[in-house]
């Protein structure tokens, strides 16, 4: 019985020290970001460069970055219906008239990381 108590105590001590060893600053808050799908879902006419930038500016001005929001994500309808000459996805030419590199640079300059959604389906 003494051996069992001693083993239990060693496990507890190990767990406590192991937990302290993991304190490296990561995950102090959950990974947080914004996704337009949660706001507009099937309203593809809302998925525009202007609306996305308006949302990003509002988040920045209202302290979302300081609160831990790091990601600004684009969901469906950011990409064009055609690909470029090399077969790569490109931004929708009407919804994102400045192109995705410009949009990405603008979002990064605000202090966010940019995420983009895509899948292997034929509809998005």
C-alpha atoms as a PDB file:
ATOM      1  CA  UNK A   1       0.000   0.000   0.000  1.00  0.00           C
ATOM      2  CA  UNK A   2       2.892   2.355   0.793  1.00  0.00           C
ATOM      3  CA  UNK A   3       4.381   1.636  -2.601  1.00  0.00           C
ATOM      4  CA  UNK A   4       1.092   2.562  -4.309  1.00  0.00           C
ATOM      5  CA  UNK A   5       0.871   5.883  -2.416  1.00  0.00           C
ATOM      6  CA  UNK A   6       4.500   6.664  -3.236  1.00  0.00           C
ATOM      7  CA  UNK A   7       3.922   5.913  -6.947  1.00  0.00           C
ATOM      8  CA  UNK A   8       0.799   8.092  -6.956  1.00  0.00           C
ATOM      9  CA  UNK A   9       2.735  10.930  -5.318  1.00  0.00           C
ATOM     10  CA  UNK A  10       5.518  10.653  -7.911  1.00  0.00           C
ATOM     11  CA  UNK A  11       2.980  10.824 -10.746  1.00  0.00           C
ATOM     12  CA  UNK A  12       1.405  13.954  -9.258  1.00  0.00           C
ATOM     13  CA  UNK A  13       4.805  15.626  -8.811  1.00  0.00           C
ATOM     14  CA  UNK A  14       5.793  14.728 -12.379  1.00  0.00           C
ATOM     15  CA  UNK A  15       2.536  16.148 -13.753  1.00  0.00           C
ATOM     16  CA  UNK A  16       2.982  19.422 -11.861  1.00  0.00           C
ATOM     17  CA  UNK A  17       6.572  19.908 -13.076  1.00  0.00           C
ATOM     18  CA  UNK A  18       5.664  18.835 -16.602  1.00  0.00           C
ATOM     19  CA  UNK A  19       2.868  21.403 -16.670  1.00  0.00           C
ATOM     20  CA  UNK A  20       5.260  24.172 -15.626  1.00  0.00           C
ATOM     21  CA  UNK A  21       7.717  23.077 -18.295  1.00  0.00           C
ATOM     22  CA  UNK A  22       5.065  23.682 -20.954  1.00  0.00           C
ATOM     23  CA  UNK A  23       4.668  27.363 -20.071  1.00  0.00           C
ATOM     24  CA  UNK A  24       6.024  28.790 -23.300  1.00  0.00           C
ATOM     25  CA  UNK A  25       3.471  31.519 -24.039  1.00  0.00           C
ATOM     26  CA  UNK A  26       1.505  29.494 -26.554  1.00  0.00           C
ATOM     27  CA  UNK A  27      -2.257  29.114 -26.310  1.00  0.00           C
ATOM     28  CA  UNK A  28      -2.833  31.552 -23.503  1.00  0.00           C
ATOM     29  CA  UNK A  29      -5.986  32.377 -25.418  1.00  0.00           C
ATOM     30  CA  UNK A  30      -7.704  30.192 -27.992  1.00  0.00           C
ATOM     31  CA  UNK A  31      -6.820  30.723 -31.631  1.00  0.00           C
ATOM     32  CA  UNK A  32      -9.198  33.471 -32.671  1.00  0.00           C
ATOM     33  CA  UNK A  33     -10.167  34.890 -36.022  1.00  0.00           C
ATOM     34  CA  UNK A  34     -13.051  36.146 -38.104  1.00  0.00           C
ATOM     35  CA  UNK A  35     -14.747  34.339 -40.962  1.00  0.00           C
ATOM     36  CA  UNK A  36     -17.279  36.021 -43.283  1.00  0.00           C
ATOM     37  CA  UNK A  37     -19.281  32.816 -43.620  1.00  0.00           C
ATOM     38  CA  UNK A  38     -20.510  33.291 -40.058  1.00  0.00           C
ATOM     39  CA  UNK A  39     -22.008  36.638 -41.064  1.00  0.00           C
ATOM     40  CA  UNK A  40     -23.072  36.312 -44.712  1.00  0.00           C
ATOM     41  CA  UNK A  41     -23.231  32.562 -45.505  1.00  0.00           C
ATOM     42  CA  UNK A  42     -24.913  32.230 -48.921  1.00  0.00           C
ATOM     43  CA  UNK A  43     -25.004  35.948 -49.754  1.00  0.00           C
ATOM     44  CA  UNK A  44     -22.157  35.862 -52.244  1.00  0.00           C
ATOM     45  CA  UNK A  45     -22.738  39.496 -53.257  1.00  0.00           C
ATOM     46  CA  UNK A  46     -21.486  40.440 -49.758  1.00  0.00           C
ATOM     47  CA  UNK A  47     -18.122  38.737 -50.307  1.00  0.00           C
ATOM     48  CA  UNK A  48     -16.324  41.744 -51.744  1.00  0.00           C
ATOM     49  CA  UNK A  49     -12.954  43.299 -51.204  1.00  0.00           C
ATOM     50  CA  UNK A  50     -14.643  46.455 -49.914  1.00  0.00           C
ATOM     51  CA  UNK A  51     -16.768  44.583 -47.367  1.00  0.00           C
ATOM     52  CA  UNK A  52     -13.844  42.475 -46.199  1.00  0.00           C
ATOM     53  CA  UNK A  53     -11.644  45.536 -45.708  1.00  0.00           C
ATOM     54  CA  UNK A  54     -14.462  47.345 -43.913  1.00  0.00           C
ATOM     55  CA  UNK A  55     -14.747  44.431 -41.499  1.00  0.00           C
ATOM     56  CA  UNK A  56     -10.977  44.186 -40.974  1.00  0.00           C
ATOM     57  CA  UNK A  57     -10.728  47.936 -40.275  1.00  0.00           C
ATOM     58  CA  UNK A  58     -13.600  47.709 -37.782  1.00  0.00           C
ATOM     59  CA  UNK A  59     -11.901  44.831 -36.000  1.00  0.00           C
ATOM     60  CA  UNK A  60      -8.598  46.695 -35.824  1.00  0.00           C
ATOM     61  CA  UNK A  61     -10.192  49.946 -34.639  1.00  0.00           C
ATOM     62  CA  UNK A  62     -12.192  48.151 -31.955  1.00  0.00           C
ATOM     63  CA  UNK A  63      -9.206  46.384 -30.398  1.00  0.00           C
ATOM     64  CA  UNK A  64      -9.734  42.860 -31.677  1.00  0.00           C
ATOM     65  CA  UNK A  65      -6.006  42.360 -32.301  1.00  0.00           C
ATOM     66  CA  UNK A  66      -5.191  43.347 -28.726  1.00  0.00           C
ATOM     67  CA  UNK A  67      -7.926  40.950 -27.546  1.00  0.00           C
ATOM     68  CA  UNK A  68      -6.164  38.075 -29.315  1.00  0.00           C
ATOM     69  CA  UNK A  69      -7.790  37.929 -32.739  1.00  0.00           C
ATOM     70  CA  UNK A  70      -4.989  37.081 -35.143  1.00  0.00           C
ATOM     71  CA  UNK A  71      -6.707  35.661 -38.186  1.00  0.00           C
ATOM     72  CA  UNK A  72      -8.831  37.249 -40.857  1.00  0.00           C
ATOM     73  CA  UNK A  73     -10.201  34.430 -42.972  1.00  0.00           C
ATOM     74  CA  UNK A  74     -11.882  34.356 -46.346  1.00  0.00           C
ATOM     75  CA  UNK A  75     -14.425  31.649 -46.955  1.00  0.00           C
ATOM     76  CA  UNK A  76     -16.289  30.792 -50.136  1.00  0.00           C
ATOM     77  CA  UNK A  77     -16.517  33.152 -53.094  1.00  0.00           C
ATOM     78  CA  UNK A  78     -13.134  34.813 -52.852  1.00  0.00           C
ATOM     79  CA  UNK A  79     -11.824  32.909 -55.865  1.00  0.00           C
ATOM     80  CA  UNK A  80     -12.576  33.533 -59.498  1.00  0.00           C
ATOM     81  CA  UNK A  81     -14.404  31.047 -61.666  1.00  0.00           C
ATOM     82  CA  UNK A  82     -11.374  30.694 -63.949  1.00  0.00           C
ATOM     83  CA  UNK A  83      -7.736  29.966 -63.139  1.00  0.00           C
ATOM     84  CA  UNK A  84      -4.681  31.771 -64.421  1.00  0.00           C
ATOM     85  CA  UNK A  85      -2.490  30.517 -67.281  1.00  0.00           C
ATOM     86  CA  UNK A  86      -0.561  28.241 -64.903  1.00  0.00           C
ATOM     87  CA  UNK A  87      -3.759  26.696 -63.528  1.00  0.00           C
ATOM     88  CA  UNK A  88      -3.569  28.520 -60.193  1.00  0.00           C
ATOM     89  CA  UNK A  89      -6.581  29.904 -58.365  1.00  0.00           C
ATOM     90  CA  UNK A  90      -7.011  33.651 -58.610  1.00  0.00           C
ATOM     91  CA  UNK A  91      -9.227  36.106 -56.787  1.00  0.00           C
ATOM     92  CA  UNK A  92     -12.620  36.881 -58.249  1.00  0.00           C
ATOM     93  CA  UNK A  93     -11.950  39.781 -60.654  1.00  0.00           C
ATOM     94  CA  UNK A  94     -15.143  41.672 -59.764  1.00  0.00           C
ATOM     95  CA  UNK A  95     -15.306  40.998 -56.041  1.00  0.00           C
ATOM     96  CA  UNK A  96     -11.543  41.488 -55.490  1.00  0.00           C
ATOM     97  CA  UNK A  97     -10.548  43.971 -58.204  1.00  0.00           C
ATOM     98  CA  UNK A  98      -7.096  44.702 -56.747  1.00  0.00           C
ATOM     99  CA  UNK A  99      -6.204  40.991 -56.673  1.00  0.00           C
ATOM    100  CA  UNK A 100      -5.367  38.657 -53.853  1.00  0.00           C
ATOM    101  CA  UNK A 101      -1.700  39.665 -53.381  1.00  0.00           C
ATOM    102  CA  UNK A 102      -2.785  43.273 -52.778  1.00  0.00           C
ATOM    103  CA  UNK A 103      -5.592  42.166 -50.480  1.00  0.00           C
ATOM    104  CA  UNK A 104      -3.249  39.908 -48.524  1.00  0.00           C
ATOM    105  CA  UNK A 105      -0.663  42.669 -48.136  1.00  0.00           C
ATOM    106  CA  UNK A 106      -3.370  45.058 -46.904  1.00  0.00           C
ATOM    107  CA  UNK A 107      -4.670  42.590 -44.310  1.00  0.00           C
ATOM    108  CA  UNK A 108      -1.121  41.817 -43.144  1.00  0.00           C
ATOM    109  CA  UNK A 109      -0.348  45.543 -42.840  1.00  0.00           C
ATOM    110  CA  UNK A 110      -3.293  45.851 -40.441  1.00  0.00           C
ATOM    111  CA  UNK A 111      -1.695  43.223 -38.201  1.00  0.00           C
ATOM    112  CA  UNK A 112      -3.759  40.154 -39.132  1.00  0.00           C
ATOM    113  CA  UNK A 113      -2.768  36.842 -40.647  1.00  0.00           C
ATOM    114  CA  UNK A 114      -4.859  35.904 -43.685  1.00  0.00           C
ATOM    115  CA  UNK A 115      -6.531  32.549 -44.111  1.00  0.00           C
ATOM    116  CA  UNK A 116      -8.326  31.401 -47.245  1.00  0.00           C
ATOM    117  CA  UNK A 117     -10.783  28.555 -47.635  1.00  0.00           C
ATOM    118  CA  UNK A 118     -10.926  26.193 -50.535  1.00  0.00           C
ATOM    119  CA  UNK A 119     -11.873  22.605 -51.187  1.00  0.00           C
ATOM    120  CA  UNK A 120     -11.518  19.971 -53.862  1.00  0.00           C
ATOM    121  CA  UNK A 121     -15.160  20.147 -54.864  1.00  0.00           C
ATOM    122  CA  UNK A 122     -16.486  21.558 -58.113  1.00  0.00           C
ATOM    123  CA  UNK A 123     -18.742  24.249 -56.669  1.00  0.00           C
ATOM    124  CA  UNK A 124     -16.352  26.312 -54.522  1.00  0.00           C
END
